[in-house]
Amino acid sequence: MSFPEKTIFVCDGKKCSKYKDVRKFLKESIKKHGMDDTVGIVKIECTDHCKDAPVMCFQPSNQWFTEVSMWQADQLFKEIILS
């Protein structure tokens, strides 16, 4: 069994799940860059930070981000995943 080198955990709680476009963008970016085998996206239960939705975490660097816009998702992908 193999696991991805990097993983993006995306909150799928009641408020965060309203931002499916950000998660979809990240999935498309992974596919576009041919990183399906090295980067994974995992939906997680509510993080209890609903006022800061959407919430996500990039691993293995353990970097947490809140209120992630589409522009920020693009920047984070470039800085954390592509680097």
C-alpha atoms as a PDB file:
ATOM      1  CA  MET A   1       0.000   0.000   0.000  1.00  0.00           C
ATOM      2  CA  SER A   2       1.294   3.471  -0.813  1.00  0.00           C
ATOM      3  CA  PHE A   3       0.364   6.845   0.592  1.00  0.00           C
ATOM      4  CA  PRO A   4       0.768  10.312  -0.915  1.00  0.00           C
ATOM      5  CA  GLU A   5       3.813  12.388  -0.006  1.00  0.00           C
ATOM      6  CA  LYS A   6       1.609  15.412   0.679  1.00  0.00           C
ATOM      7  CA  THR A   7      -1.991  15.641   1.807  1.00  0.00           C
ATOM      8  CA  ILE A   8      -4.462  18.500   1.960  1.00  0.00           C
ATOM      9  CA  PHE A   9      -7.077  18.038   4.676  1.00  0.00           C
ATOM     10  CA  VAL A  10     -10.206  20.066   3.930  1.00  0.00           C
ATOM     11  CA  CYS A  11     -12.929  20.578   6.510  1.00  0.00           C
ATOM     12  CA  ASP A  12     -16.274  19.261   5.334  1.00  0.00           C
ATOM     13  CA  GLY A  13     -18.327  20.581   8.235  1.00  0.00           C
ATOM     14  CA  LYS A  14     -21.638  22.357   7.760  1.00  0.00           C
ATOM     15  CA  LYS A  15     -20.204  25.802   6.943  1.00  0.00           C
ATOM     16  CA  CYS A  16     -16.942  24.746   5.283  1.00  0.00           C
ATOM     17  CA  SER A  17     -18.713  22.397   2.893  1.00  0.00           C
ATOM     18  CA  LYS A  18     -20.330  25.459   1.284  1.00  0.00           C
ATOM     19  CA  TYR A  19     -16.915  26.194  -0.267  1.00  0.00           C
ATOM     20  CA  LYS A  20     -16.798  23.153  -2.545  1.00  0.00           C
ATOM     21  CA  ASP A  21     -15.343  25.310  -5.324  1.00  0.00           C
ATOM     22  CA  VAL A  22     -12.073  25.694  -3.408  1.00  0.00           C
ATOM     23  CA  ARG A  23     -11.785  21.930  -2.864  1.00  0.00           C
ATOM     24  CA  LYS A  24     -12.684  21.319  -6.510  1.00  0.00           C
ATOM     25  CA  PHE A  25     -10.000  23.786  -7.610  1.00  0.00           C
ATOM     26  CA  LEU A  26      -7.368  21.960  -5.542  1.00  0.00           C
ATOM     27  CA  LYS A  27      -8.429  18.568  -6.953  1.00  0.00           C
ATOM     28  CA  GLU A  28      -8.205  19.959 -10.490  1.00  0.00           C
ATOM     29  CA  SER A  29      -4.780  21.471  -9.778  1.00  0.00           C
ATOM     30  CA  ILE A  30      -3.479  18.128  -8.531  1.00  0.00           C
ATOM     31  CA  LYS A  31      -4.747  16.411 -11.675  1.00  0.00           C
ATOM     32  CA  LYS A  32      -3.484  19.200 -13.976  1.00  0.00           C
ATOM     33  CA  HIS A  33       0.044  18.825 -12.593  1.00  0.00           C
ATOM     34  CA  GLY A  34      -0.037  15.015 -12.778  1.00  0.00           C
ATOM     35  CA  MET A  35       0.299  14.660  -9.021  1.00  0.00           C
ATOM     36  CA  ASP A  36      -2.511  12.149  -8.406  1.00  0.00           C
ATOM     37  CA  ASP A  37      -0.071   9.646  -6.885  1.00  0.00           C
ATOM     38  CA  THR A  38       1.867  12.115  -4.726  1.00  0.00           C
ATOM     39  CA  VAL A  39      -0.799  14.514  -3.390  1.00  0.00           C
ATOM     40  CA  GLY A  40      -4.104  13.583  -1.812  1.00  0.00           C
ATOM     41  CA  ILE A  41      -7.147  15.495  -0.606  1.00  0.00           C
ATOM     42  CA  VAL A  42      -9.022  14.245   2.428  1.00  0.00           C
ATOM     43  CA  LYS A  43     -12.332  15.620   3.683  1.00  0.00           C
ATOM     44  CA  ILE A  44     -12.346  15.816   7.477  1.00  0.00           C
ATOM     45  CA  GLU A  45     -15.131  16.322  10.004  1.00  0.00           C
ATOM     46  CA  CYS A  46     -15.870  19.731  11.475  1.00  0.00           C
ATOM     47  CA  THR A  47     -12.856  21.460  13.034  1.00  0.00           C
ATOM     48  CA  ASP A  48     -15.058  23.667  15.263  1.00  0.00           C
ATOM     49  CA  HIS A  49     -13.729  26.806  13.552  1.00  0.00           C
ATOM     50  CA  CYS A  50     -16.893  27.522  11.580  1.00  0.00           C
ATOM     51  CA  LYS A  51     -16.529  31.293  11.793  1.00  0.00           C
ATOM     52  CA  ASP A  52     -13.240  30.924   9.887  1.00  0.00           C
ATOM     53  CA  ALA A  53     -14.543  28.738   7.037  1.00  0.00           C
ATOM     54  CA  PRO A  54     -13.216  27.239   4.919  1.00  0.00           C
ATOM     55  CA  VAL A  55     -10.497  25.559   6.989  1.00  0.00           C
ATOM     56  CA  MET A  56      -7.741  23.384   5.551  1.00  0.00           C
ATOM     57  CA  CYS A  57      -4.448  21.839   6.560  1.00  0.00           C
ATOM     58  CA  PHE A  58      -1.436  21.004   4.409  1.00  0.00           C
ATOM     59  CA  GLN A  59       0.629  17.999   5.491  1.00  0.00           C
ATOM     60  CA  PRO A  60       3.349  17.011   6.177  1.00  0.00           C
ATOM     61  CA  SER A  61       4.213  20.621   7.041  1.00  0.00           C
ATOM     62  CA  ASN A  62       1.189  20.883   9.396  1.00  0.00           C
ATOM     63  CA  GLN A  63       0.211  24.307   8.084  1.00  0.00           C
ATOM     64  CA  TRP A  64      -3.374  25.339   8.870  1.00  0.00           C
ATOM     65  CA  PHE A  65      -5.278  28.021   6.964  1.00  0.00           C
ATOM     66  CA  THR A  66      -8.670  29.626   7.444  1.00  0.00           C
ATOM     67  CA  GLU A  67     -10.986  31.701   5.272  1.00  0.00           C
ATOM     68  CA  VAL A  68      -9.224  30.337   2.189  1.00  0.00           C
ATOM     69  CA  SER A  69     -10.317  32.121  -0.972  1.00  0.00           C
ATOM     70  CA  MET A  70      -9.844  30.762  -4.470  1.00  0.00           C
ATOM     71  CA  TRP A  71      -6.873  33.099  -4.957  1.00  0.00           C
ATOM     72  CA  GLN A  72      -5.301  31.914  -1.691  1.00  0.00           C
ATOM     73  CA  ALA A  73      -5.896  28.273  -2.617  1.00  0.00           C
ATOM     74  CA  ASP A  74      -3.969  28.875  -5.844  1.00  0.00           C
ATOM     75  CA  GLN A  75      -1.112  30.571  -3.977  1.00  0.00           C
ATOM     76  CA  LEU A  76      -0.966  27.873  -1.291  1.00  0.00           C
ATOM     77  CA  PHE A  77      -0.933  25.142  -3.913  1.00  0.00           C
ATOM     78  CA  LYS A  78       1.994  26.794  -5.697  1.00  0.00           C
ATOM     79  CA  GLU A  79       3.945  27.545  -2.504  1.00  0.00           C
ATOM     80  CA  ILE A  80       3.360  24.333  -0.553  1.00  0.00           C
ATOM     81  CA  ILE A  81       2.511  21.597  -3.017  1.00  0.00           C
ATOM     82  CA  LEU A  82       4.561  22.559  -6.061  1.00  0.00           C
ATOM     83  CA  SER A  83       7.659  23.599  -4.103  1.00  0.00           C
END
